[in-house]
Protein backbone atom coordinates (compact mmCIF):
# COMPACT_ATOMS: atom_id res chain seq x y z
CA MET A 1 -35.78 -66.88 -71.78
CA LYS A 2 -38.78 -64.83 -72.92
CA ILE A 3 -39.22 -63.34 -76.32
CA LYS A 4 -41.99 -60.90 -76.80
CA ILE A 5 -43.10 -59.62 -80.21
CA ASP A 6 -45.72 -56.92 -80.62
CA LEU A 7 -47.47 -56.75 -83.98
CA GLU A 8 -49.76 -54.01 -85.13
CA ALA A 9 -52.04 -55.35 -87.83
CA THR A 10 -55.67 -55.34 -88.72
CA PRO A 11 -57.59 -58.58 -88.70
CA GLN A 12 -57.75 -58.47 -92.46
CA GLU A 13 -53.94 -58.12 -92.66
CA LEU A 14 -53.48 -61.04 -90.37
CA ARG A 15 -55.91 -63.29 -92.41
CA THR A 16 -54.07 -62.39 -95.57
CA PHE A 17 -50.61 -63.08 -93.93
CA PHE A 18 -51.76 -66.54 -92.73
CA GLY A 19 -53.45 -67.37 -96.02
CA LEU A 20 -57.03 -67.49 -94.62
CA PRO A 21 -59.90 -66.81 -96.95
CA ASP A 22 -61.61 -63.43 -96.96
CA VAL A 23 -65.03 -64.06 -95.45
CA GLU A 24 -66.11 -60.49 -95.16
CA PRO A 25 -68.39 -60.60 -98.23
CA LEU A 26 -70.08 -63.73 -96.89
CA GLN A 27 -70.52 -62.17 -93.47
CA ARG A 28 -71.97 -59.01 -95.02
CA GLU A 29 -74.42 -61.06 -97.13
CA LEU A 30 -75.57 -63.04 -94.14
CA MET A 31 -76.01 -59.91 -92.02
CA ASP A 32 -78.08 -58.34 -94.84
CA GLN A 33 -80.32 -61.42 -94.94
CA ILE A 34 -80.78 -61.35 -91.24
CA ARG A 35 -81.51 -57.64 -91.32
CA GLU A 36 -84.13 -58.12 -94.10
CA ARG A 37 -85.86 -60.90 -92.23
CA MET A 38 -85.90 -58.88 -88.96
CA LEU A 39 -87.34 -55.80 -90.79
CA SER A 40 -89.91 -57.82 -92.66
CA GLY A 41 -91.15 -59.59 -89.54
CA MET A 42 -90.86 -56.91 -86.82
CA GLU A 43 -94.40 -57.38 -85.71
CA GLY A 44 -93.98 -61.05 -84.73
CA PHE A 45 -90.27 -60.90 -84.30
CA ASP A 46 -88.92 -64.15 -82.87
CA PRO A 47 -85.07 -64.49 -82.68
CA ALA A 48 -85.21 -68.29 -82.41
CA THR A 49 -87.18 -68.63 -85.65
CA LEU A 50 -84.89 -66.03 -87.32
CA MET A 51 -81.68 -67.95 -86.45
CA LYS A 52 -83.08 -71.48 -87.06
CA PRO A 53 -81.85 -71.71 -90.68
CA PHE A 54 -78.33 -70.78 -89.59
CA LEU A 55 -78.10 -73.47 -86.88
CA PRO A 56 -77.15 -77.11 -87.38
CA PRO A 57 -80.24 -79.51 -87.19
CA HIS A 58 -79.39 -80.83 -83.71
CA LEU A 59 -79.54 -77.25 -82.32
CA GLN A 60 -82.69 -76.01 -84.02
CA SER A 61 -84.98 -76.42 -81.02
CA MET A 62 -84.56 -74.02 -78.16
CA GLU A 63 -84.42 -76.82 -75.65
CA ALA A 64 -81.54 -78.50 -77.47
CA LEU A 65 -79.67 -75.20 -77.70
CA GLN A 66 -80.15 -74.48 -73.99
CA LYS A 67 -79.03 -78.04 -73.13
CA SER A 68 -75.93 -77.66 -75.32
CA PHE A 69 -74.99 -74.38 -73.64
CA TRP A 70 -75.60 -75.83 -70.13
CA ASP A 71 -73.50 -78.94 -70.93
CA ALA A 72 -70.65 -76.77 -72.27
CA PHE A 73 -70.72 -74.55 -69.21
CA SER A 74 -70.91 -77.51 -66.83
CA ALA A 75 -68.01 -79.26 -68.57
CA GLY A 76 -66.01 -76.01 -68.24
CA MET A 77 -66.68 -76.07 -64.54
CA GLY A 78 -65.62 -79.71 -64.22
CA GLN A 79 -69.15 -80.95 -63.67
CA GLN A 80 -71.38 -83.30 -65.61
CA GLY A 81 -74.39 -81.89 -67.56
CA GLY A 82 -77.09 -83.13 -65.16
CA LYS A 83 -75.42 -82.29 -61.85
CA LYS A 84 -75.60 -79.10 -59.80
CA ALA A 85 -72.76 -77.76 -57.78
CA GLY A 86 -74.03 -79.51 -54.59
CA GLY A 87 -73.96 -82.88 -56.37
CA GLY A 88 -77.81 -83.24 -56.65
CA GLU A 89 -79.83 -83.98 -59.75
CA GLU A 90 -81.87 -81.18 -61.35
């Protein structure tokens, strides 16, 4: 037996229905801060430096961030982080 229910609701209506907090003001504030930093430093714009305060400490270096992404993608493909598809080490 299959039951299919189609709902038409905005994301805000669903968050309210499920009792989730309204995070739109926080998102708007963060985006404003990011925009200000981007505009004030357009000459030497560096996205990694811009996002560093918003990342957890263990992902603040670009190498750690790349390794984290690689490990996540590899795990999703059923491989270990240091192995290539052919089974050899990097």
